[in-house]
Amino acid sequence: MENIFRGPERRDKKVKRVEGFSQHLVSLRDKRWKEIRSIITPSFTASKMKQMAPIMNTAIDSLVANVEKKCAAGEAFDIYPFYQGLTMDVIGRTAFGIQTDSQNNPNDPLLRSSKILFSQDIRNPIAVLCKEGIIVRNYFFAVSFRSLTTLWTWLNRIRLMINNQGSNPVKELIESVKAVIATRRQNKENKRPDLLQLMIDAEIDDLSKVTSDDLTAKDDTEVDEKEKKNRSSSGKLIRRMTDADILDNSVIFFLAAYETTSTALAFTTHFLIHYPEAQEKIRQEVQQLLEKPKLFTGRMVSKITPNGITPKVASRREYERGESISLRGELDYYSVNKLQYLDQVLQESLRLYPPVYLFVSRECGEDVDLGEIKLKKGMGIQVPSYHLHRDPELWGTDASEFKPERFSPENKSKIHPMAFQAFGQGPRNCVGMRFAYMEAKLALARLLSKYKFKICSKTDKEKLDLKISTFAINPKRGIWTTAIPV
C-alpha cells in the first residue's frame, strides 16, 4: 500500500521556494522527501530523546511552579494556557535553540505570534483559503482554489500583520531560526543536545538501504529500534541537511509541536478531572515508580531531591569495582515509558479528541478499484481522523465513551492497525511522535505526583464544546480546574 498512497498531493511543476515552508517533510515528495526523512528520523531515536529530556524537564519545572502558585492560593484556573506556555518553551528550546520563557511571560513575542497563527476558526472563509500559502496546502479547501494561491497568500499576510501589531509573525519566526543556525555554524562551542543541533549534525550515506520501516516513527510501547550508524562500505557521504532544509523543518516542527501537544495535554487533563479514578490510578503508578530503587553503574549518577535532580559521585571503591548504586527512581525518558496506564489514558484521549483532525492526507499513486469506490491516480485522500476514531464498527458500540482499557496490552492487539490516526500511519506518519509522547508523559506524571485536579464551577461538561481551527480542534472555553496537593 505504501506505493499506492504517497504523501500529500502536490503540483508536479517546479514551484518557487517559499522560505520556511518549501523544504519541510510535509511539502516534499518522492526521492527528495525520502532523503530528508532518512536524515531526520534518527534524530528521534530513544537515545536522542533521552538527551532532550533534561531540556523538557527544565521547562516542566516552570509549569509545576505556576500550578503550585494557583494551588497555594486555592484559586480555580484554566490550565490550557499553562500547557501552551510549556510546549512553546519546549519546542523553542529544542527545535530553535532559543531560551524562551513563555510560561512566565505571556507577552513573549514568539508565544503571541504563535497564538495568532492558530487563532482562526475554520468557518472564516478568508482564513480557510489563505492557509494555502502558510501551512496546509494539501487540504481540500486550498486544492480547490489553486489558481488563486497568490491572492490568498497576500490576503493572509495582511491579516497576520494586522493581528500582530504590524509585523508578520511568520517572518519573525523564520528570522529567529536563521540567526540561531548561523550562530551554531560559526561557533561549534555553542552546541547543545537539542533537535536543532541534531539536524545540523545529521547525515545519510546510502539511501538505497533505507526501508519504509526505517522511515516510520514508532511509539515507545513497541520494540525499540536498533540505532544505526550512518556509514556505508564505501564511506561516501551522500548529503547533510542544508541551512534551508534545517530552517524549513524547524518551522514545521514548531507548528506541529506547539499547538498539538498543548491541546493533547489539555484534553487529557479534562478527562482526568472527570474521571478521578483514572487520575488516582496514574498517580499510584507514578509514585510506585518513584519509590522503586534504580541501579546506576559508573562515576556520575543522579538523585531526586526535594529541590530537583542533583548529581552524586560514586565512591572510588564503588567506581573501581564497577558497583551499582541504588537510588530512588526518577522521571526521565525511559522511566515514563514504563507508566502503562498513563500511556493508555493518553492514547484514549488522543482517540476521542485527536488535536489534528485535518492533516492526515495522502495522494493516490495509481488507479485503485475498491469496489463501489474507485480512486484515480493523483487523487488527494483525506483521512477523517475524528470520525474514524469514533466509528462503532472499529471501536464498538461504546466508541464515544472514555475507556483507557482499550489500549491495554491485552486489548491493543485487537485494534485495527489503521483505526488510530492521531499521528498518521506508515512511512509518512508524524516523525515527532516519540517527542510528543515523551513531553506529554513527563508533564502529566510530574503534575499528578504532586497534585489532584478537581472539578470547579467553571469546569466544562464532559462532552466539550470545541473550537475548530483550520487544522486543529481546541477546547472552546479552556480547561478549568483546581489543584489540591497530594
Protein backbone atom coordinates (compact mmCIF):
# COMPACT_ATOMS: atom_id res chain seq x y z
CA MET A 1 0.00 0.00 0.00
CA GLU A 2 2.92 2.38 0.58
CA ASN A 3 3.47 2.57 -3.19
CA ILE A 4 -0.23 3.26 -3.86
CA PHE A 5 -0.77 6.05 -1.34
CA ARG A 6 2.04 8.60 -1.21
CA GLY A 7 2.41 11.83 0.66
CA PRO A 8 0.17 14.89 0.34
CA GLU A 9 -0.87 15.95 -3.14
CA ARG A 10 1.45 18.47 -4.78
CA ARG A 11 1.75 20.08 -8.18
CA ASP A 12 4.27 18.42 -10.47
CA LYS A 13 5.70 21.64 -11.90
CA LYS A 14 8.54 23.35 -10.09
CA VAL A 15 7.29 25.86 -7.54
CA LYS A 16 9.24 28.91 -6.37
CA ARG A 17 10.74 28.39 -2.92
CA VAL A 18 8.84 29.94 -0.03
CA GLU A 19 11.34 30.47 2.79
CA GLY A 20 10.41 28.43 5.83
CA PHE A 21 7.86 26.24 4.04
CA SER A 22 9.16 24.68 0.82
CA GLN A 23 11.63 22.05 2.04
CA HIS A 24 9.98 20.51 5.08
CA LEU A 25 8.65 16.97 5.35
CA VAL A 26 5.04 17.93 4.75
CA SER A 27 5.79 19.67 1.44
CA LEU A 28 8.40 17.32 -0.05
CA ARG A 29 7.65 14.19 -2.04
CA ASP A 30 9.31 11.16 -3.66
CA LYS A 31 13.13 10.95 -3.59
CA ARG A 32 13.62 14.40 -2.06
CA TRP A 33 11.22 13.56 0.76
CA LYS A 34 12.96 10.22 1.35
CA GLU A 35 16.35 11.92 1.64
CA ILE A 36 15.19 14.42 4.26
CA ARG A 37 13.08 11.88 6.15
CA SER A 38 16.06 9.48 6.23
CA ILE A 39 18.27 12.19 7.69
CA ILE A 40 15.76 13.44 10.25
CA THR A 41 14.32 10.13 11.52
CA PRO A 42 17.47 9.14 13.51
CA SER A 43 17.12 12.43 15.42
CA PHE A 44 14.06 10.95 17.15
CA THR A 45 15.54 7.66 18.34
CA ALA A 46 15.37 6.68 22.00
CA SER A 47 18.94 7.77 22.76
CA LYS A 48 18.36 11.19 21.17
CA MET A 49 15.12 11.66 23.10
CA LYS A 50 16.99 10.83 26.30
CA GLN A 51 19.39 13.71 25.54
CA MET A 52 16.49 16.16 25.22
CA ALA A 53 14.62 15.01 28.36
CA PRO A 54 16.56 17.38 30.67
CA ILE A 55 15.58 20.35 28.47
CA MET A 56 11.95 19.29 28.74
CA ASN A 57 12.18 18.76 32.49
CA THR A 58 13.59 22.26 32.96
CA ALA A 59 10.57 23.69 31.15
CA ILE A 60 8.24 21.47 33.20
CA ASP A 61 9.81 22.92 36.38
CA SER A 62 8.18 26.25 35.44
CA LEU A 63 4.85 24.53 34.75
CA VAL A 64 4.88 22.89 38.19
CA ALA A 65 5.87 26.19 39.84
CA ASN A 66 2.95 28.02 38.20
CA VAL A 67 0.46 25.32 39.19
CA GLU A 68 1.86 25.49 42.73
CA LYS A 69 1.03 29.21 42.89
CA LYS A 70 -2.60 28.50 42.00
CA CYS A 71 -2.70 25.59 44.42
CA ALA A 72 -1.31 27.67 47.30
CA ALA A 73 -3.82 30.45 46.59
CA GLY A 74 -6.70 28.00 46.32
CA GLU A 75 -7.71 29.55 43.01
CA ALA A 76 -9.53 27.92 40.10
CA PHE A 77 -7.58 28.35 36.86
CA ASP A 78 -7.55 27.45 33.18
CA ILE A 79 -4.65 25.02 32.72
CA TYR A 80 -4.73 25.16 28.91
CA PRO A 81 -2.65 28.41 28.66
CA PHE A 82 -0.17 26.81 31.08
CA TYR A 83 0.27 23.93 28.64
CA GLN A 84 0.62 26.33 25.72
CA GLY A 85 3.43 28.12 27.52
CA LEU A 86 5.09 24.79 28.32
CA THR A 87 5.03 23.48 24.75
CA MET A 88 6.23 26.84 23.45
CA ASP A 89 9.23 26.73 25.79
CA VAL A 90 10.00 23.10 24.95
CA ILE A 91 9.85 23.50 21.17
CA GLY A 92 11.59 26.88 21.31
CA ARG A 93 14.49 25.42 23.27
CA THR A 94 14.76 22.12 21.39
CA ALA A 95 13.87 22.97 17.78
CA PHE A 96 15.13 26.56 17.68
CA GLY A 97 17.75 26.67 20.40
CA ILE A 98 16.04 29.79 21.79
CA GLN A 99 15.90 30.18 25.56
CA THR A 100 12.26 31.22 25.76
CA ASP A 101 10.28 31.86 28.95
CA SER A 102 6.74 31.89 27.63
CA GLN A 103 5.33 30.38 30.83
CA ASN A 104 6.32 33.37 32.90
CA ASN A 105 5.94 35.98 30.18
CA PRO A 106 2.53 35.83 28.49
CA ASN A 107 3.62 38.70 26.22
CA ASP A 108 6.52 36.71 24.82
CA PRO A 109 6.71 37.67 21.08
CA LEU A 110 7.04 34.05 19.95
CA LEU A 111 4.02 33.00 22.01
CA ARG A 112 1.98 35.95 20.80
CA SER A 113 2.84 35.24 17.16
CA SER A 114 2.02 31.56 17.55
CA LYS A 115 -1.41 32.22 19.04
CA ILE A 116 -2.20 34.50 16.10
CA LEU A 117 -1.17 31.81 13.62
CA PHE A 118 -3.55 29.30 15.19
CA SER A 119 -6.36 31.69 16.12
CA GLN A 120 -8.58 31.48 13.04
CA ASP A 121 -11.80 29.48 13.03
CA ILE A 122 -12.22 27.19 10.02
CA ARG A 123 -15.62 28.80 9.36
CA ASN A 124 -13.82 32.04 8.46
CA PRO A 125 -13.64 31.78 4.62
CA ILE A 126 -10.60 34.01 4.27
CA ALA A 127 -8.66 32.04 6.89
CA VAL A 128 -9.53 28.76 5.19
CA LEU A 129 -8.40 29.84 1.74
CA CYS A 130 -5.38 31.85 2.84
CA LYS A 131 -3.75 28.89 4.54
CA GLU A 132 -2.65 27.74 1.06
CA GLY A 133 0.48 29.86 1.36
CA ILE A 134 1.26 29.17 5.01
CA ILE A 135 0.58 25.72 6.40
CA VAL A 136 -1.97 23.46 4.80
CA ARG A 137 -1.56 23.49 1.05
CA ASN A 138 -2.79 19.90 0.76
CA TYR A 139 -6.19 20.47 2.29
CA PHE A 140 -9.18 20.09 0.06
CA PHE A 141 -10.17 23.74 0.51
CA ALA A 142 -6.89 25.05 -0.83
CA VAL A 143 -6.62 22.39 -3.54
CA SER A 144 -9.98 23.52 -4.89
CA PHE A 145 -8.73 27.08 -5.44
CA ARG A 146 -5.13 26.65 -6.55
CA SER A 147 -5.39 29.22 -9.33
CA LEU A 148 -5.97 31.87 -6.64
CA THR A 149 -2.99 30.88 -4.49
CA THR A 150 -1.18 34.22 -4.83
CA LEU A 151 -4.29 36.19 -3.86
CA TRP A 152 -4.97 34.03 -0.79
CA THR A 153 -1.32 34.24 0.29
CA TRP A 154 -1.25 38.03 0.20
CA LEU A 155 -4.61 38.34 1.93
CA ASN A 156 -3.33 36.08 4.70
CA ARG A 157 -0.13 38.07 5.12
CA ILE A 158 -2.18 41.25 5.54
CA ARG A 159 -4.45 39.54 8.09
CA LEU A 160 -1.49 38.25 10.12
CA MET A 161 0.25 41.63 10.14
CA ILE A 162 -2.92 43.40 11.31
CA ASN A 163 -3.38 40.90 14.13
CA ASN A 164 0.32 41.03 15.09
CA GLN A 165 0.64 44.79 15.52
CA GLY A 166 2.05 45.46 12.05
CA SER A 167 4.65 42.70 11.72
CA ASN A 168 4.38 39.30 10.07
CA PRO A 169 4.63 36.60 12.80
CA VAL A 170 5.84 34.03 10.27
CA LYS A 171 8.72 36.27 9.21
CA GLU A 172 9.66 36.91 12.86
CA LEU A 173 9.77 33.17 13.45
CA ILE A 174 11.93 32.50 10.40
CA GLU A 175 14.42 35.26 11.16
CA SER A 176 14.87 33.98 14.72
CA VAL A 177 15.70 30.47 13.50
CA LYS A 178 18.09 31.72 10.80
CA ALA A 179 20.05 33.66 13.40
CA VAL A 180 20.43 30.61 15.67
CA ILE A 181 21.53 28.34 12.78
CA ALA A 182 24.16 30.90 11.73
CA THR A 183 25.46 31.13 15.30
CA ARG A 184 25.74 27.35 15.61
CA ARG A 185 27.54 27.06 12.28
CA GLN A 186 30.04 29.80 13.13
CA ASN A 187 30.81 28.69 16.66
CA LYS A 188 30.79 24.97 17.31
CA GLU A 189 31.22 25.63 21.04
CA ASN A 190 27.55 26.68 21.04
CA LYS A 191 26.45 23.07 20.54
CA ARG A 192 23.51 21.89 22.65
CA PRO A 193 21.77 18.49 22.88
CA ASP A 194 18.66 19.71 21.07
CA LEU A 195 16.76 18.95 17.90
CA LEU A 196 18.30 21.84 16.00
CA GLN A 197 21.81 20.55 16.69
CA LEU A 198 20.81 17.01 15.73
CA MET A 199 19.64 18.29 12.34
CA ILE A 200 22.86 20.26 11.87
CA ASP A 201 24.94 17.15 12.62
CA ALA A 202 22.74 14.60 10.82
CA GLU A 203 23.86 12.82 7.66
CA ILE A 204 22.86 9.92 5.43
CA ASP A 205 25.13 7.97 3.12
CA ASP A 206 23.24 5.11 1.48
CA LEU A 207 19.64 5.88 0.63
CA SER A 208 19.19 2.57 -1.17
CA LYS A 209 19.39 0.68 2.14
CA VAL A 210 16.65 2.74 3.81
CA THR A 211 13.37 0.81 4.13
CA SER A 212 9.83 2.03 4.76
CA ASP A 213 10.08 0.60 8.28
CA ASP A 214 13.20 2.70 8.91
CA LEU A 215 11.22 5.82 7.99
CA THR A 216 8.19 5.03 10.16
CA ALA A 217 8.17 6.63 13.61
CA LYS A 218 7.42 4.12 16.39
CA ASP A 219 5.68 4.70 19.67
CA ASP A 220 7.50 3.64 22.81
CA THR A 221 5.30 0.68 23.62
CA GLU A 222 6.74 -1.06 20.58
CA VAL A 223 10.09 -2.82 20.42
CA ASP A 224 12.74 -0.11 20.34
CA GLU A 225 14.59 0.42 17.10
CA LYS A 226 18.17 -0.61 16.58
CA GLU A 227 20.23 2.51 16.46
CA LYS A 228 22.31 2.53 13.28
CA LYS A 229 25.42 4.41 12.41
CA ASN A 230 25.05 6.00 9.02
CA ARG A 231 28.18 4.54 7.50
CA SER A 232 28.45 2.69 4.19
CA SER A 233 31.13 0.33 2.99
CA SER A 234 32.28 2.94 0.52
CA GLY A 235 32.46 5.65 3.16
CA LYS A 236 30.97 8.15 0.70
CA LEU A 237 28.63 10.73 2.17
CA ILE A 238 25.57 11.45 0.06
CA ARG A 239 24.38 14.54 1.88
CA ARG A 240 23.74 16.53 5.02
CA MET A 241 20.88 18.93 5.59
CA THR A 242 21.37 22.41 4.14
CA ASP A 243 20.55 25.50 6.17
CA ALA A 244 17.34 25.83 4.12
CA ASP A 245 16.38 22.24 4.98
CA ILE A 246 17.04 22.86 8.67
CA LEU A 247 15.15 26.17 8.66
CA ASP A 248 12.04 24.80 6.95
CA ASN A 249 11.88 21.68 9.11
CA SER A 250 12.42 23.67 12.30
CA VAL A 251 9.43 25.80 11.34
CA ILE A 252 7.20 22.78 10.65
CA PHE A 253 8.31 21.10 13.90
CA PHE A 254 7.36 24.26 15.72
CA LEU A 255 3.94 24.47 14.06
CA ALA A 256 3.31 20.77 14.67
CA ALA A 257 4.56 20.59 18.26
CA TYR A 258 3.29 23.79 19.87
CA GLU A 259 -0.46 23.61 19.32
CA THR A 260 -0.94 19.85 19.08
CA THR A 261 0.89 18.80 22.25
CA SER A 262 -0.60 21.56 24.40
CA THR A 263 -4.07 20.64 23.15
CA ALA A 264 -3.46 16.92 23.77
CA LEU A 265 -2.39 17.72 27.34
CA ALA A 266 -5.49 19.88 27.81
CA PHE A 267 -7.89 17.20 26.55
CA THR A 268 -6.19 14.53 28.67
CA THR A 269 -6.41 16.71 31.78
CA HIS A 270 -10.11 17.26 31.02
CA PHE A 271 -10.72 13.51 31.15
CA LEU A 272 -8.64 13.14 34.31
CA ILE A 273 -10.77 15.81 36.01
CA HIS A 274 -13.97 13.98 35.08
CA TYR A 275 -12.57 10.53 35.85
CA PRO A 276 -10.81 10.87 39.24
CA GLU A 277 -10.38 7.09 39.45
CA ALA A 278 -8.19 7.17 36.32
CA GLN A 279 -6.26 10.11 37.76
CA GLU A 280 -5.64 8.23 41.01
CA LYS A 281 -4.55 5.11 39.17
CA ILE A 282 -1.91 7.09 37.26
CA ARG A 283 -0.79 8.79 40.48
CA GLN A 284 -0.24 5.45 42.19
CA GLU A 285 1.64 4.20 39.15
CA VAL A 286 3.93 7.24 39.21
CA GLN A 287 4.50 7.03 42.96
CA GLN A 288 5.41 3.35 42.71
CA LEU A 289 7.91 4.22 40.00
CA LEU A 290 9.48 6.99 42.09
CA GLU A 291 9.77 4.72 45.11
CA LYS A 292 11.34 1.88 43.15
CA PRO A 293 15.15 1.73 43.52
CA LYS A 294 17.07 2.32 40.33
CA LEU A 295 20.56 0.94 39.74
CA PHE A 296 23.35 3.06 38.35
CA THR A 297 26.86 1.97 37.49
CA GLY A 298 29.60 4.50 36.87
CA ARG A 299 31.08 7.58 38.32
CA MET A 300 28.34 10.16 37.99
CA VAL A 301 24.74 9.38 38.92
CA SER A 302 21.64 11.46 39.53
CA LYS A 303 19.40 11.59 42.55
CA ILE A 304 15.93 13.05 43.03
CA THR A 305 15.75 15.51 45.93
CA PRO A 306 13.03 17.96 47.03
CA ASN A 307 14.94 20.64 45.12
CA GLY A 308 15.17 18.70 41.87
CA ILE A 309 17.77 16.37 40.33
CA THR A 310 21.27 16.63 41.79
CA PRO A 311 24.43 14.76 40.82
CA LYS A 312 26.06 12.25 43.15
CA VAL A 313 29.60 10.97 42.72
CA ALA A 314 30.19 7.26 43.29
CA SER A 315 32.90 6.43 45.81
CA ARG A 316 36.34 5.49 44.46
CA ARG A 317 35.85 1.91 45.65
CA GLU A 318 32.43 1.66 44.02
CA TYR A 319 33.76 3.19 40.81
CA GLU A 320 36.83 0.93 40.58
CA ARG A 321 34.74 -2.19 41.21
CA GLY A 322 32.03 -1.03 38.82
CA GLU A 323 29.49 -1.48 41.59
CA SER A 324 25.90 -0.33 41.07
CA ILE A 325 24.45 2.40 43.25
CA SER A 326 20.80 2.12 44.25
CA LEU A 327 18.79 5.34 44.26
CA ARG A 328 15.11 6.17 44.13
CA GLY A 329 13.58 6.18 40.67
CA GLU A 330 13.27 9.39 38.67
CA LEU A 331 11.08 10.65 35.86
CA ASP A 332 13.11 10.55 32.68
CA TYR A 333 12.65 9.28 29.14
CA TYR A 334 12.92 5.59 29.94
CA SER A 335 11.02 5.59 33.23
CA VAL A 336 7.91 7.43 31.97
CA ASN A 337 7.58 4.86 29.21
CA LYS A 338 7.05 2.24 31.92
CA LEU A 339 3.88 4.02 33.04
CA GLN A 340 1.47 1.71 31.23
CA TYR A 341 -1.81 3.18 32.46
CA LEU A 342 -0.69 6.74 31.74
CA ASP A 343 0.04 5.61 28.18
CA GLN A 344 -3.45 4.10 27.90
CA VAL A 345 -5.15 7.26 29.16
CA LEU A 346 -3.13 9.46 26.81
CA GLN A 347 -3.94 7.30 23.78
CA GLU A 348 -7.64 7.12 24.66
CA SER A 349 -7.70 10.92 24.97
CA LEU A 350 -6.00 11.21 21.56
CA ARG A 351 -8.58 8.83 20.14
CA LEU A 352 -11.59 10.83 21.33
CA TYR A 353 -10.05 14.25 20.67
CA PRO A 354 -7.25 13.97 18.08
CA PRO A 355 -5.84 17.54 18.11
CA VAL A 356 -5.00 17.40 14.41
CA TYR A 357 -8.18 16.36 12.66
CA LEU A 358 -7.30 17.72 9.18
CA PHE A 359 -3.69 16.82 8.48
CA VAL A 360 -3.54 13.09 7.66
CA SER A 361 -3.63 13.14 3.86
CA ARG A 362 -2.13 11.09 1.04
CA GLU A 363 -2.02 11.08 -2.75
CA CYS A 364 -3.12 8.05 -4.75
CA GLY A 365 -0.07 6.83 -6.69
CA GLU A 366 -2.06 4.68 -9.13
CA ASP A 367 -5.64 3.82 -10.03
CA VAL A 368 -7.28 1.72 -7.31
CA ASP A 369 -10.57 -0.17 -7.54
CA LEU A 370 -12.16 -0.73 -4.12
CA GLY A 371 -15.46 -1.98 -5.48
CA GLU A 372 -18.00 0.80 -5.04
CA ILE A 373 -15.17 3.28 -4.59
CA LYS A 374 -12.72 3.96 -7.42
CA LEU A 375 -9.68 6.12 -6.82
CA LYS A 376 -7.80 7.74 -9.66
CA LYS A 377 -4.05 8.29 -9.79
CA GLY A 378 -3.19 11.72 -8.39
CA MET A 379 -6.36 11.97 -6.29
CA GLY A 380 -5.94 13.53 -2.86
CA ILE A 381 -7.10 11.33 0.05
CA GLN A 382 -8.08 12.94 3.36
CA VAL A 383 -8.34 10.70 6.45
CA PRO A 384 -11.19 11.90 8.72
CA SER A 385 -9.39 11.12 11.99
CA TYR A 386 -12.06 12.46 14.35
CA HIS A 387 -14.85 10.41 12.79
CA LEU A 388 -12.67 7.35 12.25
CA HIS A 389 -11.79 7.33 15.96
CA ARG A 390 -15.47 7.26 16.90
CA ASP A 391 -16.62 4.68 14.36
CA PRO A 392 -18.62 1.92 16.16
CA GLU A 393 -17.58 -0.59 13.50
CA LEU A 394 -13.94 -0.11 14.52
CA TRP A 395 -14.26 0.64 18.23
CA GLY A 396 -17.52 -0.98 19.31
CA THR A 397 -20.86 0.38 20.44
CA ASP A 398 -19.13 2.31 23.26
CA ALA A 399 -16.88 4.16 20.79
CA SER A 400 -17.86 7.56 22.23
CA GLU A 401 -17.03 6.58 25.81
CA PHE A 402 -13.73 7.17 27.61
CA LYS A 403 -12.25 3.73 28.29
CA PRO A 404 -8.43 3.61 28.61
CA GLU A 405 -8.65 -0.19 28.82
CA ARG A 406 -8.98 -0.24 25.01
CA PHE A 407 -5.23 0.35 24.84
CA SER A 408 -4.16 -2.18 27.47
CA PRO A 409 -1.55 -4.72 26.27
CA GLU A 410 -4.16 -7.48 26.02
CA ASN A 411 -6.62 -5.32 24.03
CA LYS A 412 -4.35 -3.18 21.87
CA SER A 413 -3.55 -6.05 19.51
CA LYS A 414 -7.28 -6.28 18.68
CA ILE A 415 -7.37 -2.72 17.30
CA HIS A 416 -7.29 -2.44 13.50
CA PRO A 417 -3.80 -1.15 12.57
CA MET A 418 -5.27 1.78 10.60
CA ALA A 419 -8.03 2.71 13.08
CA PHE A 420 -5.86 5.00 15.23
CA GLN A 421 -4.70 8.02 13.23
CA ALA A 422 -3.66 10.58 15.84
CA PHE A 423 -0.16 10.60 14.32
CA GLY A 424 -0.98 9.09 10.94
CA GLN A 425 0.33 5.70 9.82
CA GLY A 426 3.08 4.36 7.60
CA PRO A 427 6.36 5.97 6.48
CA ARG A 428 4.78 9.43 6.39
CA ASN A 429 3.44 9.31 9.93
CA CYS A 430 4.44 12.03 12.37
CA VAL A 431 8.22 11.83 12.75
CA GLY A 432 7.98 13.62 16.10
CA MET A 433 5.54 11.16 17.68
CA ARG A 434 8.07 9.91 20.21
CA PHE A 435 8.99 13.50 21.10
CA ALA A 436 5.31 14.40 21.69
CA TYR A 437 4.64 11.33 23.83
CA MET A 438 7.71 11.99 25.97
CA GLU A 439 6.79 15.63 26.61
CA ALA A 440 3.16 14.81 27.46
CA LYS A 441 4.04 11.89 29.74
CA LEU A 442 6.74 13.80 31.62
CA ALA A 443 4.41 16.76 32.21
CA LEU A 444 1.43 14.68 33.34
CA ALA A 445 3.48 12.34 35.51
CA ARG A 446 5.17 15.20 37.34
CA LEU A 447 1.93 17.12 37.86
CA LEU A 448 -0.03 14.10 39.09
CA SER A 449 2.74 13.14 41.50
CA LYS A 450 2.13 16.43 43.32
CA TYR A 451 -1.48 17.47 42.72
CA LYS A 452 -5.06 16.24 42.43
CA PHE A 453 -7.06 18.11 39.79
CA LYS A 454 -10.69 18.69 40.73
CA ILE A 455 -13.86 19.98 39.09
CA CYS A 456 -14.63 23.67 39.78
CA SER A 457 -17.59 25.93 38.96
CA LYS A 458 -16.09 26.82 35.55
CA THR A 459 -15.22 23.27 34.52
CA ASP A 460 -16.83 22.34 31.20
CA LYS A 461 -19.11 19.32 30.92
CA GLU A 462 -17.53 16.01 29.92
CA LYS A 463 -18.56 16.43 26.29
CA LEU A 464 -16.56 19.52 25.41
CA ASP A 465 -17.60 22.36 23.14
CA LEU A 466 -14.85 22.63 20.55
CA LYS A 467 -13.21 25.44 18.66
CA ILE A 468 -12.44 24.15 15.17
CA SER A 469 -9.47 25.94 13.62
CA THR A 470 -8.01 25.42 10.16
CA PHE A 471 -6.40 22.09 11.03
CA ALA A 472 -6.80 21.50 14.77
CA ILE A 473 -9.51 21.27 17.40
CA ASN A 474 -9.26 23.00 20.77
CA PRO A 475 -11.36 23.24 23.94
CA LYS A 476 -13.53 26.30 23.27
CA ARG A 477 -13.61 27.55 26.87
CA GLY A 478 -10.32 26.14 28.09
CA ILE A 479 -9.83 23.51 30.82
CA TRP A 480 -10.79 24.94 34.22
CA THR A 481 -9.79 23.15 37.40
CA THR A 482 -8.47 23.48 40.93
CA ALA A 483 -5.24 21.84 42.12
CA ILE A 484 -5.03 20.24 45.56
CA PRO A 485 -1.71 18.96 46.98
CA VAL A 486 -1.41 15.19 47.24
